[in-house]
Amino acid sequence: MATQPWFPTPMYFENAVGTEFINIQNELFNVYNQLKFLQNPNWGNDTHCLSEDAFVRNVLIEKNCTNFLGFLDRSLNTYLDELEFKYDREYNIASSWFTLTKPGQYAHRHDHGGVDLSGVYYLQTNTESGNLYFQSPLRSLGTNLIYEIVNNDAEVAAQEGLLGVWPGLLEHGTYTNNSELDRISISFNIQYRRHYD
């Protein structure tokens, strides 16, 4: 038997395209223009700004973002189909917020705690505005030679219309926005109902 890549971390990425992309972009920009953004004073001046009441507010539901929510729901079901999850798929979007990363700012490495899934959608970005990166969950095992070899972080190029979903405990961040364009994204936390009938 050859080397097997066991215990992977399943992550999901999909781009909105065509009319769906246009409808989502218009819907989310409309919401973005209504929001107030604040910077956490404990994070420093070079970190991103978040929409007001981030982490406790659910702006996607409050603002009835039906185009985006439909795209998200379909993507979540595709993700679980690929994982061959056959049980109840009822979920709750525990929180959702917009992130504004101005030129020269970044998002520090962090996780979203005990939620089942976290994710992002890129509303406005370009190739210089800072990629999304993930820290390997095997980092704590790096004193072992084999884990040291495979313990590489992963990076995803941010692009408009890209949706990403991953386990909420996975540490991630974004590199510095080196463009002249504000990077705008939407983040969310999802909790599934535990029901295995």
N, C-alpha and C. Protein backbone atom coordinates (compact mmCIF):
# COMPACT_ATOMS: atom_id res chain seq x y z
N MET A 1 0.85 -1.19 0.00
CA MET A 1 0.00 0.00 0.00
C MET A 1 0.89 1.24 0.00
N ALA A 2 0.60 2.18 -0.89
CA ALA A 2 1.38 3.41 -0.97
C ALA A 2 0.97 4.37 0.14
N THR A 3 1.70 5.46 0.26
CA THR A 3 1.42 6.48 1.28
C THR A 3 0.00 7.01 1.11
N GLN A 4 -0.74 7.07 2.21
CA GLN A 4 -2.14 7.50 2.19
C GLN A 4 -2.30 8.87 2.88
N PRO A 5 -3.01 9.81 2.28
CA PRO A 5 -3.21 11.13 2.90
C PRO A 5 -4.42 11.12 3.84
N TRP A 6 -4.33 10.40 4.92
CA TRP A 6 -5.44 10.29 5.85
C TRP A 6 -5.59 11.52 6.71
N PHE A 7 -6.78 11.69 7.31
CA PHE A 7 -7.11 12.78 8.22
C PHE A 7 -6.99 14.16 7.58
N PRO A 8 -7.53 14.32 6.38
CA PRO A 8 -7.50 15.66 5.76
C PRO A 8 -8.52 16.59 6.38
N THR A 9 -8.39 17.88 6.10
CA THR A 9 -9.38 18.87 6.53
C THR A 9 -10.21 19.26 5.30
N PRO A 10 -11.48 18.86 5.25
CA PRO A 10 -12.29 19.18 4.07
C PRO A 10 -12.68 20.66 4.04
N MET A 11 -12.34 21.32 2.97
CA MET A 11 -12.66 22.73 2.77
C MET A 11 -13.35 22.87 1.42
N TYR A 12 -14.25 23.85 1.32
CA TYR A 12 -15.07 23.97 0.12
C TYR A 12 -14.93 25.37 -0.46
N PHE A 13 -14.73 25.46 -1.77
CA PHE A 13 -14.65 26.75 -2.46
C PHE A 13 -15.44 26.69 -3.75
N GLU A 14 -16.22 27.73 -3.99
CA GLU A 14 -17.00 27.82 -5.22
C GLU A 14 -17.16 29.29 -5.61
N ASN A 15 -17.15 29.54 -6.91
CA ASN A 15 -17.37 30.89 -7.42
C ASN A 15 -18.80 31.07 -7.89
N ALA A 16 -19.41 32.16 -7.48
CA ALA A 16 -20.68 32.56 -8.09
C ALA A 16 -20.37 33.06 -9.51
N VAL A 17 -21.22 32.71 -10.45
CA VAL A 17 -20.97 33.08 -11.84
C VAL A 17 -22.25 33.60 -12.49
N GLY A 18 -22.08 34.25 -13.61
CA GLY A 18 -23.20 34.69 -14.45
C GLY A 18 -24.18 35.60 -13.74
N THR A 19 -25.46 35.39 -14.02
CA THR A 19 -26.51 36.21 -13.44
C THR A 19 -26.54 36.10 -11.93
N GLU A 20 -26.28 34.91 -11.41
CA GLU A 20 -26.27 34.73 -9.96
C GLU A 20 -25.21 35.62 -9.32
N PHE A 21 -24.03 35.67 -9.90
CA PHE A 21 -22.95 36.54 -9.41
C PHE A 21 -23.39 38.00 -9.41
N ILE A 22 -23.99 38.45 -10.50
CA ILE A 22 -24.42 39.85 -10.60
C ILE A 22 -25.47 40.16 -9.54
N ASN A 23 -26.44 39.27 -9.36
CA ASN A 23 -27.49 39.50 -8.37
C ASN A 23 -26.94 39.53 -6.95
N ILE A 24 -26.01 38.62 -6.64
CA ILE A 24 -25.39 38.60 -5.31
C ILE A 24 -24.59 39.87 -5.07
N GLN A 25 -23.80 40.26 -6.06
CA GLN A 25 -22.97 41.47 -5.92
C GLN A 25 -23.84 42.70 -5.67
N ASN A 26 -24.89 42.86 -6.45
CA ASN A 26 -25.78 44.02 -6.29
C ASN A 26 -26.44 44.01 -4.91
N GLU A 27 -26.91 42.85 -4.50
CA GLU A 27 -27.57 42.71 -3.20
C GLU A 27 -26.62 43.06 -2.06
N LEU A 28 -25.41 42.51 -2.10
CA LEU A 28 -24.47 42.72 -0.99
C LEU A 28 -23.88 44.12 -0.98
N PHE A 29 -23.65 44.71 -2.14
CA PHE A 29 -23.18 46.11 -2.17
C PHE A 29 -24.24 47.04 -1.60
N ASN A 30 -25.50 46.76 -1.87
CA ASN A 30 -26.59 47.55 -1.31
C ASN A 30 -26.56 47.51 0.22
N VAL A 31 -26.34 46.32 0.78
CA VAL A 31 -26.24 46.19 2.23
C VAL A 31 -24.98 46.89 2.75
N TYR A 32 -23.87 46.66 2.09
CA TYR A 32 -22.58 47.26 2.49
C TYR A 32 -22.71 48.78 2.64
N ASN A 33 -23.39 49.41 1.71
CA ASN A 33 -23.52 50.87 1.72
C ASN A 33 -24.39 51.38 2.87
N GLN A 34 -25.10 50.50 3.55
CA GLN A 34 -25.93 50.89 4.70
C GLN A 34 -25.22 50.72 6.04
N LEU A 35 -24.04 50.11 6.04
CA LEU A 35 -23.40 49.71 7.29
C LEU A 35 -22.37 50.70 7.79
N LYS A 36 -22.17 50.67 9.10
CA LYS A 36 -21.12 51.43 9.76
C LYS A 36 -20.01 50.45 10.14
N PHE A 37 -18.76 50.84 9.89
CA PHE A 37 -17.62 49.97 10.16
C PHE A 37 -16.77 50.52 11.30
N LEU A 38 -16.30 49.60 12.14
CA LEU A 38 -15.49 49.96 13.30
C LEU A 38 -14.23 49.12 13.32
N GLN A 39 -13.17 49.69 13.87
CA GLN A 39 -11.93 48.96 14.04
C GLN A 39 -11.77 48.61 15.51
N ASN A 40 -11.42 47.36 15.80
CA ASN A 40 -11.20 46.95 17.18
C ASN A 40 -9.93 47.61 17.71
N PRO A 41 -10.03 48.43 18.76
CA PRO A 41 -8.84 49.15 19.25
C PRO A 41 -7.77 48.22 19.82
N ASN A 42 -8.14 47.01 20.17
CA ASN A 42 -7.16 46.05 20.70
C ASN A 42 -6.36 45.35 19.62
N TRP A 43 -6.74 45.54 18.35
CA TRP A 43 -6.06 44.84 17.27
C TRP A 43 -5.02 45.69 16.56
N GLY A 44 -4.99 46.99 16.78
CA GLY A 44 -4.03 47.86 16.11
C GLY A 44 -4.59 48.51 14.86
N ASN A 45 -3.93 49.61 14.45
CA ASN A 45 -4.42 50.40 13.32
C ASN A 45 -4.23 49.73 11.96
N ASP A 46 -3.40 48.69 11.91
CA ASP A 46 -3.14 48.05 10.63
C ASP A 46 -4.01 46.81 10.40
N THR A 47 -5.05 46.63 11.24
CA THR A 47 -5.95 45.51 11.04
C THR A 47 -7.29 45.99 10.46
N HIS A 48 -8.02 45.06 9.94
CA HIS A 48 -9.27 45.32 9.22
C HIS A 48 -10.36 45.91 10.13
N CYS A 49 -11.40 46.44 9.49
CA CYS A 49 -12.58 46.96 10.18
C CYS A 49 -13.74 45.99 9.99
N LEU A 50 -14.63 45.95 10.96
CA LEU A 50 -15.79 45.06 10.90
C LEU A 50 -17.07 45.86 10.96
N SER A 51 -18.12 45.34 10.36
CA SER A 51 -19.42 46.01 10.47
C SER A 51 -19.86 45.99 11.93
N GLU A 52 -20.64 46.99 12.29
CA GLU A 52 -21.06 47.19 13.68
C GLU A 52 -21.74 45.93 14.24
N ASP A 53 -21.40 45.60 15.48
CA ASP A 53 -21.95 44.44 16.18
C ASP A 53 -21.60 43.12 15.51
N ALA A 54 -20.41 43.07 14.91
CA ALA A 54 -19.93 41.81 14.32
C ALA A 54 -19.89 40.74 15.40
N PHE A 55 -20.04 39.51 15.00
CA PHE A 55 -20.02 38.30 15.83
C PHE A 55 -21.33 38.06 16.58
N VAL A 56 -22.12 39.10 16.82
CA VAL A 56 -23.41 38.89 17.50
C VAL A 56 -24.58 39.19 16.57
N ARG A 57 -24.32 39.90 15.51
CA ARG A 57 -25.36 40.29 14.56
C ARG A 57 -25.39 39.30 13.41
N ASN A 58 -26.53 39.17 12.76
CA ASN A 58 -26.65 38.33 11.59
C ASN A 58 -27.15 39.20 10.44
N VAL A 59 -26.23 39.93 9.85
CA VAL A 59 -26.59 40.93 8.86
C VAL A 59 -27.20 40.30 7.60
N LEU A 60 -26.80 39.09 7.25
CA LEU A 60 -27.35 38.43 6.06
C LEU A 60 -28.84 38.14 6.20
N ILE A 61 -29.25 37.75 7.41
CA ILE A 61 -30.66 37.49 7.68
C ILE A 61 -31.41 38.80 7.88
N GLU A 62 -30.84 39.70 8.67
CA GLU A 62 -31.50 41.00 8.93
C GLU A 62 -31.83 41.74 7.65
N LYS A 63 -30.90 41.72 6.70
CA LYS A 63 -31.06 42.47 5.46
C LYS A 63 -31.67 41.62 4.34
N ASN A 64 -32.11 40.41 4.68
CA ASN A 64 -32.83 39.55 3.74
C ASN A 64 -32.05 39.35 2.43
N CYS A 65 -30.82 38.89 2.56
CA CYS A 65 -29.94 38.70 1.40
C CYS A 65 -30.26 37.36 0.72
N THR A 66 -31.41 37.27 0.11
CA THR A 66 -31.93 36.00 -0.41
C THR A 66 -31.06 35.43 -1.53
N ASN A 67 -30.49 36.26 -2.38
CA ASN A 67 -29.64 35.76 -3.46
C ASN A 67 -28.40 35.07 -2.89
N PHE A 68 -27.75 35.75 -1.95
CA PHE A 68 -26.56 35.15 -1.34
C PHE A 68 -26.92 33.91 -0.53
N LEU A 69 -27.99 33.99 0.26
CA LEU A 69 -28.37 32.87 1.12
C LEU A 69 -28.72 31.63 0.29
N GLY A 70 -29.32 31.81 -0.87
CA GLY A 70 -29.61 30.68 -1.75
C GLY A 70 -28.33 30.03 -2.27
N PHE A 71 -27.37 30.86 -2.66
CA PHE A 71 -26.07 30.38 -3.14
C PHE A 71 -25.34 29.64 -2.01
N LEU A 72 -25.38 30.21 -0.82
CA LEU A 72 -24.74 29.58 0.33
C LEU A 72 -25.39 28.24 0.65
N ASP A 73 -26.70 28.18 0.67
CA ASP A 73 -27.40 26.94 1.00
C ASP A 73 -27.06 25.84 0.00
N ARG A 74 -27.07 26.16 -1.26
CA ARG A 74 -26.73 25.17 -2.29
C ARG A 74 -25.28 24.70 -2.13
N SER A 75 -24.38 25.63 -1.83
CA SER A 75 -22.97 25.28 -1.64
C SER A 75 -22.77 24.39 -0.43
N LEU A 76 -23.46 24.70 0.67
CA LEU A 76 -23.35 23.87 1.88
C LEU A 76 -23.83 22.45 1.61
N ASN A 77 -24.91 22.31 0.86
CA ASN A 77 -25.41 20.97 0.56
C ASN A 77 -24.48 20.21 -0.37
N THR A 78 -23.86 20.90 -1.31
CA THR A 78 -22.88 20.25 -2.17
C THR A 78 -21.68 19.77 -1.34
N TYR A 79 -21.23 20.61 -0.44
CA TYR A 79 -20.13 20.27 0.47
C TYR A 79 -20.45 19.01 1.26
N LEU A 80 -21.64 18.95 1.86
CA LEU A 80 -22.02 17.78 2.66
C LEU A 80 -22.28 16.56 1.78
N ASP A 81 -22.77 16.76 0.55
CA ASP A 81 -22.91 15.65 -0.38
C ASP A 81 -21.55 15.01 -0.65
N GLU A 82 -20.55 15.85 -0.89
CA GLU A 82 -19.21 15.35 -1.18
C GLU A 82 -18.59 14.64 0.02
N LEU A 83 -19.02 15.00 1.22
CA LEU A 83 -18.57 14.32 2.44
C LEU A 83 -19.43 13.12 2.78
N GLU A 84 -20.45 12.87 1.93
CA GLU A 84 -21.39 11.76 2.10
C GLU A 84 -22.10 11.80 3.45
N PHE A 85 -22.48 13.01 3.85
CA PHE A 85 -23.23 13.20 5.09
C PHE A 85 -24.70 12.96 4.80
N LYS A 86 -25.30 11.97 5.46
CA LYS A 86 -26.65 11.53 5.12
C LYS A 86 -27.72 11.92 6.14
N TYR A 87 -27.37 12.71 7.13
CA TYR A 87 -28.30 13.01 8.21
C TYR A 87 -28.95 14.37 8.01
N ASP A 88 -29.70 14.78 9.01
CA ASP A 88 -30.41 16.06 9.01
C ASP A 88 -29.43 17.21 8.71
N ARG A 89 -29.81 18.08 7.80
CA ARG A 89 -28.94 19.19 7.43
C ARG A 89 -29.49 20.54 7.87
N GLU A 90 -30.34 20.53 8.85
CA GLU A 90 -30.88 21.80 9.36
C GLU A 90 -29.77 22.57 10.05
N TYR A 91 -29.61 23.84 9.68
CA TYR A 91 -28.53 24.65 10.26
C TYR A 91 -29.04 26.05 10.60
N ASN A 92 -28.22 26.71 11.38
CA ASN A 92 -28.50 28.08 11.79
C ASN A 92 -27.27 28.92 11.47
N ILE A 93 -27.49 30.05 10.83
CA ILE A 93 -26.38 31.00 10.67
C ILE A 93 -26.31 31.78 11.98
N ALA A 94 -25.33 31.45 12.80
CA ALA A 94 -25.23 32.01 14.14
C ALA A 94 -24.88 33.49 14.11
N SER A 95 -24.08 33.90 13.14
CA SER A 95 -23.70 35.31 13.00
C SER A 95 -23.15 35.54 11.61
N SER A 96 -23.25 36.77 11.15
CA SER A 96 -22.66 37.15 9.86
C SER A 96 -22.37 38.64 9.89
N TRP A 97 -21.30 39.03 9.21
CA TRP A 97 -20.86 40.42 9.24
C TRP A 97 -20.00 40.72 8.01
N PHE A 98 -19.84 42.00 7.73
CA PHE A 98 -18.98 42.45 6.64
C PHE A 98 -17.63 42.85 7.21
N THR A 99 -16.60 42.64 6.41
CA THR A 99 -15.24 43.04 6.77
C THR A 99 -14.72 44.00 5.71
N LEU A 100 -14.15 45.09 6.16
CA LEU A 100 -13.54 46.10 5.28
C LEU A 100 -12.05 46.14 5.59
N THR A 101 -11.24 45.80 4.60
CA THR A 101 -9.79 45.81 4.76
C THR A 101 -9.22 46.86 3.82
N LYS A 102 -8.82 47.98 4.39
CA LYS A 102 -8.31 49.09 3.59
C LYS A 102 -6.86 48.83 3.18
N PRO A 103 -6.35 49.58 2.20
CA PRO A 103 -4.95 49.42 1.82
C PRO A 103 -4.03 49.52 3.04
N GLY A 104 -3.08 48.59 3.14
CA GLY A 104 -2.15 48.55 4.26
C GLY A 104 -2.65 47.76 5.45
N GLN A 105 -3.88 47.26 5.42
CA GLN A 105 -4.44 46.50 6.54
C GLN A 105 -4.46 45.00 6.22
N TYR A 106 -4.63 44.21 7.27
CA TYR A 106 -4.69 42.76 7.14
C TYR A 106 -5.66 42.21 8.18
N ALA A 107 -5.95 40.91 8.09
CA ALA A 107 -6.74 40.23 9.12
C ALA A 107 -5.82 39.25 9.84
N HIS A 108 -5.64 39.46 11.14
CA HIS A 108 -4.75 38.60 11.91
C HIS A 108 -5.24 37.16 11.93
N ARG A 109 -4.34 36.25 12.23
CA ARG A 109 -4.71 34.83 12.29
C ARG A 109 -5.64 34.60 13.47
N HIS A 110 -6.73 33.87 13.22
CA HIS A 110 -7.74 33.63 14.24
C HIS A 110 -8.58 32.42 13.85
N ASP A 111 -9.42 31.96 14.76
CA ASP A 111 -10.41 30.94 14.43
C ASP A 111 -11.77 31.44 14.90
N HIS A 112 -12.81 30.68 14.64
CA HIS A 112 -14.16 31.10 15.01
C HIS A 112 -14.75 30.21 16.09
N GLY A 113 -13.88 29.59 16.86
CA GLY A 113 -14.33 28.83 18.02
C GLY A 113 -15.07 27.56 17.67
N GLY A 114 -16.08 27.25 18.46
CA GLY A 114 -16.74 25.97 18.38
C GLY A 114 -17.83 25.82 17.35
N VAL A 115 -18.01 26.77 16.45
CA VAL A 115 -19.06 26.60 15.42
C VAL A 115 -18.64 25.50 14.45
N ASP A 116 -19.63 24.87 13.84
CA ASP A 116 -19.32 23.79 12.90
C ASP A 116 -18.57 24.29 11.68
N LEU A 117 -19.07 25.37 11.07
CA LEU A 117 -18.45 25.90 9.86
C LEU A 117 -18.31 27.42 9.95
N SER A 118 -17.24 27.90 9.37
CA SER A 118 -17.07 29.33 9.15
C SER A 118 -16.85 29.53 7.66
N GLY A 119 -17.03 30.74 7.21
CA GLY A 119 -16.82 30.97 5.79
C GLY A 119 -16.71 32.42 5.43
N VAL A 120 -16.40 32.64 4.16
CA VAL A 120 -16.22 33.99 3.64
C VAL A 120 -16.73 34.04 2.20
N TYR A 121 -17.18 35.24 1.81
CA TYR A 121 -17.50 35.53 0.42
C TYR A 121 -16.82 36.84 0.09
N TYR A 122 -16.09 36.87 -1.03
CA TYR A 122 -15.38 38.09 -1.42
C TYR A 122 -16.23 38.93 -2.35
N LEU A 123 -16.59 40.10 -1.84
CA LEU A 123 -17.42 41.03 -2.59
C LEU A 123 -16.57 41.92 -3.49
N GLN A 124 -15.45 42.40 -2.94
CA GLN A 124 -14.55 43.27 -3.72
C GLN A 124 -13.11 42.95 -3.34
N THR A 125 -12.31 42.62 -4.34
CA THR A 125 -10.91 42.29 -4.11
C THR A 125 -10.17 42.33 -5.44
N ASN A 126 -8.87 42.21 -5.38
CA ASN A 126 -8.06 42.04 -6.60
C ASN A 126 -6.82 41.25 -6.24
N THR A 127 -5.95 41.02 -7.19
CA THR A 127 -4.81 40.13 -6.98
C THR A 127 -3.80 40.67 -5.98
N GLU A 128 -3.85 41.95 -5.66
CA GLU A 128 -2.88 42.54 -4.73
C GLU A 128 -3.48 42.85 -3.36
N SER A 129 -4.74 42.52 -3.14
CA SER A 129 -5.40 42.96 -1.91
C SER A 129 -5.27 41.97 -0.74
N GLY A 130 -4.47 40.92 -0.92
CA GLY A 130 -4.16 40.01 0.18
C GLY A 130 -4.93 38.71 0.13
N ASN A 131 -4.20 37.61 0.04
CA ASN A 131 -4.83 36.30 -0.04
C ASN A 131 -5.27 35.79 1.33
N LEU A 132 -6.18 34.86 1.30
CA LEU A 132 -6.65 34.15 2.48
C LEU A 132 -5.66 33.00 2.74
N TYR A 133 -5.28 32.81 4.00
CA TYR A 133 -4.40 31.68 4.31
C TYR A 133 -4.94 30.91 5.51
N PHE A 134 -4.56 29.65 5.59
CA PHE A 134 -4.98 28.75 6.66
C PHE A 134 -3.75 28.14 7.31
N GLN A 135 -3.75 28.14 8.63
CA GLN A 135 -2.67 27.48 9.35
C GLN A 135 -3.00 26.00 9.48
N SER A 136 -2.02 25.16 9.26
CA SER A 136 -2.24 23.72 9.36
C SER A 136 -2.68 23.35 10.77
N PRO A 137 -3.74 22.53 10.88
CA PRO A 137 -4.17 22.08 12.21
C PRO A 137 -3.18 21.08 12.82
N LEU A 138 -2.19 20.67 12.03
CA LEU A 138 -1.17 19.74 12.53
C LEU A 138 0.04 20.47 13.12
N ARG A 139 0.00 21.80 13.16
CA ARG A 139 1.15 22.57 13.61
C ARG A 139 1.63 22.13 14.99
N SER A 140 0.70 21.82 15.89
CA SER A 140 1.09 21.44 17.25
C SER A 140 1.84 20.11 17.29
N LEU A 141 1.79 19.36 16.19
CA LEU A 141 2.48 18.07 16.12
C LEU A 141 3.83 18.18 15.42
N GLY A 142 4.27 19.40 15.18
CA GLY A 142 5.47 19.66 14.38
C GLY A 142 6.77 19.17 14.98
N THR A 143 6.79 18.72 16.23
CA THR A 143 8.01 18.17 16.80
C THR A 143 8.31 16.79 16.24
N ASN A 144 7.33 16.17 15.59
CA ASN A 144 7.51 14.89 14.93
C ASN A 144 7.98 15.15 13.50
N LEU A 145 8.99 14.42 13.04
CA LEU A 145 9.57 14.65 11.71
C LEU A 145 8.54 14.60 10.60
N ILE A 146 7.66 13.59 10.59
CA ILE A 146 6.70 13.44 9.51
C ILE A 146 5.70 14.59 9.50
N TYR A 147 5.18 14.96 10.68
CA TYR A 147 4.26 16.09 10.73
C TYR A 147 4.96 17.40 10.37
N GLU A 148 6.23 17.50 10.68
CA GLU A 148 6.98 18.69 10.28
C GLU A 148 7.04 18.80 8.76
N ILE A 149 7.19 17.67 8.10
CA ILE A 149 7.29 17.66 6.64
C ILE A 149 5.96 18.10 6.00
N VAL A 150 4.83 17.60 6.54
CA VAL A 150 3.53 17.87 5.90
C VAL A 150 2.79 19.05 6.51
N ASN A 151 3.45 19.78 7.40
CA ASN A 151 2.80 20.81 8.19
C ASN A 151 2.80 22.18 7.49
N ASN A 152 2.49 22.21 6.21
CA ASN A 152 2.51 23.47 5.47
C ASN A 152 1.18 24.19 5.57
N ASP A 153 1.24 25.51 5.67
CA ASP A 153 0.02 26.30 5.61
C ASP A 153 -0.50 26.30 4.18
N ALA A 154 -1.78 26.62 4.02
CA ALA A 154 -2.40 26.67 2.70
C ALA A 154 -2.84 28.10 2.41
N GLU A 155 -2.86 28.47 1.14
CA GLU A 155 -3.21 29.83 0.73
C GLU A 155 -4.20 29.77 -0.42
N VAL A 156 -5.18 30.67 -0.40
CA VAL A 156 -6.20 30.74 -1.46
C VAL A 156 -6.21 32.16 -2.00
N ALA A 157 -6.16 32.30 -3.31
CA ALA A 157 -6.22 33.62 -3.93
C ALA A 157 -7.64 34.18 -3.80
N ALA A 158 -7.76 35.32 -3.15
CA ALA A 158 -9.06 35.97 -3.01
C ALA A 158 -9.49 36.51 -4.37
N GLN A 159 -10.75 36.27 -4.72
CA GLN A 159 -11.30 36.79 -5.97
C GLN A 159 -12.78 37.08 -5.79
N GLU A 160 -13.25 38.07 -6.49
CA GLU A 160 -14.65 38.47 -6.37
C GLU A 160 -15.57 37.32 -6.75
N GLY A 161 -16.56 37.07 -5.88
CA GLY A 161 -17.50 35.99 -6.12
C GLY A 161 -17.11 34.66 -5.53
N LEU A 162 -15.94 34.59 -4.88
CA LEU A 162 -15.48 33.33 -4.29
C LEU A 162 -16.10 33.13 -2.91
N LEU A 163 -16.70 31.97 -2.72
CA LEU A 163 -17.23 31.54 -1.43
C LEU A 163 -16.33 30.44 -0.89
N GLY A 164 -15.93 30.54 0.37
CA GLY A 164 -15.15 29.50 1.02
C GLY A 164 -15.81 29.08 2.32
N VAL A 165 -15.76 27.78 2.62
CA VAL A 165 -16.34 27.23 3.84
C VAL A 165 -15.37 26.22 4.43
N TRP A 166 -15.19 26.24 5.76
CA TRP A 166 -14.24 25.34 6.42
C TRP A 166 -14.65 25.15 7.88
N PRO A 167 -14.09 24.13 8.56
CA PRO A 167 -14.40 23.94 9.98
C PRO A 167 -14.03 25.17 10.81
N GLY A 168 -14.94 25.56 11.71
CA GLY A 168 -14.77 26.81 12.45
C GLY A 168 -13.52 26.89 13.30
N LEU A 169 -12.97 25.75 13.70
CA LEU A 169 -11.77 25.75 14.55
C LEU A 169 -10.48 25.98 13.79
N LEU A 170 -10.54 25.99 12.48
CA LEU A 170 -9.33 26.13 11.67
C LEU A 170 -8.84 27.58 11.67
N GLU A 171 -7.59 27.78 12.08
CA GLU A 171 -7.03 29.13 12.14
C GLU A 171 -6.75 29.64 10.73
N HIS A 172 -7.09 30.92 10.52
CA HIS A 172 -6.94 31.53 9.21
C HIS A 172 -6.75 33.03 9.37
N GLY A 173 -6.38 33.69 8.30
CA GLY A 173 -6.22 35.14 8.29
C GLY A 173 -6.06 35.60 6.85
N THR A 174 -5.82 36.89 6.66
CA THR A 174 -5.53 37.39 5.31
C THR A 174 -4.27 38.22 5.36
N TYR A 175 -3.52 38.15 4.28
CA TYR A 175 -2.30 38.94 4.18
C TYR A 175 -2.64 40.41 3.94
N THR A 176 -1.64 41.24 4.08
CA THR A 176 -1.81 42.69 3.95
C THR A 176 -2.35 43.07 2.57
N ASN A 177 -3.28 43.99 2.57
CA ASN A 177 -3.83 44.54 1.33
C ASN A 177 -2.81 45.51 0.75
N ASN A 178 -2.11 45.08 -0.29
CA ASN A 178 -1.08 45.90 -0.93
C ASN A 178 -1.59 46.62 -2.17
N SER A 179 -2.90 46.68 -2.33
CA SER A 179 -3.48 47.38 -3.47
C SER A 179 -3.97 48.76 -3.03
N GLU A 180 -4.57 49.47 -3.96
CA GLU A 180 -5.19 50.76 -3.64
C GLU A 180 -6.70 50.62 -3.52
N LEU A 181 -7.18 49.38 -3.53
CA LEU A 181 -8.61 49.08 -3.48
C LEU A 181 -8.97 48.51 -2.12
N ASP A 182 -10.09 48.95 -1.55
CA ASP A 182 -10.58 48.32 -0.32
C ASP A 182 -11.01 46.89 -0.62
N ARG A 183 -10.59 45.96 0.24
CA ARG A 183 -11.07 44.60 0.13
C ARG A 183 -12.32 44.47 1.00
N ILE A 184 -13.42 43.97 0.43
CA ILE A 184 -14.68 43.84 1.15
C ILE A 184 -15.10 42.38 1.10
N SER A 185 -15.41 41.82 2.26
CA SER A 185 -15.85 40.43 2.32
C SER A 185 -16.97 40.29 3.34
N ILE A 186 -17.64 39.16 3.26
CA ILE A 186 -18.71 38.82 4.21
C ILE A 186 -18.29 37.53 4.88
N SER A 187 -18.34 37.50 6.21
CA SER A 187 -18.01 36.30 6.97
C SER A 187 -19.24 35.80 7.70
N PHE A 188 -19.24 34.51 8.00
CA PHE A 188 -20.40 33.92 8.66
C PHE A 188 -19.98 32.69 9.45
N ASN A 189 -20.79 32.36 10.45
CA ASN A 189 -20.62 31.17 11.28
C ASN A 189 -21.88 30.34 11.20
N ILE A 190 -21.72 29.03 11.06
CA ILE A 190 -22.85 28.13 10.87
C ILE A 190 -22.79 27.00 11.89
N GLN A 191 -23.94 26.74 12.49
CA GLN A 191 -24.07 25.62 13.44
C GLN A 191 -25.15 24.68 12.93
N TYR A 192 -24.82 23.40 12.85
CA TYR A 192 -25.79 22.39 12.42
C TYR A 192 -26.51 21.80 13.61
N ARG A 193 -27.75 21.43 13.38
CA ARG A 193 -28.54 20.75 14.41
C ARG A 193 -28.04 19.31 14.50
N ARG A 194 -27.83 18.82 15.70
CA ARG A 194 -27.40 17.45 15.89
C ARG A 194 -28.61 16.53 15.99
N HIS A 195 -28.95 15.89 14.88
CA HIS A 195 -30.15 15.05 14.85
C HIS A 195 -29.85 13.93 13.86
N TYR A 196 -29.69 12.73 14.36
CA TYR A 196 -29.26 11.61 13.51
C TYR A 196 -30.33 10.51 13.40
N ASP A 197 -31.56 10.88 13.24
CA ASP A 197 -32.63 9.88 13.07
C ASP A 197 -32.61 9.30 11.67
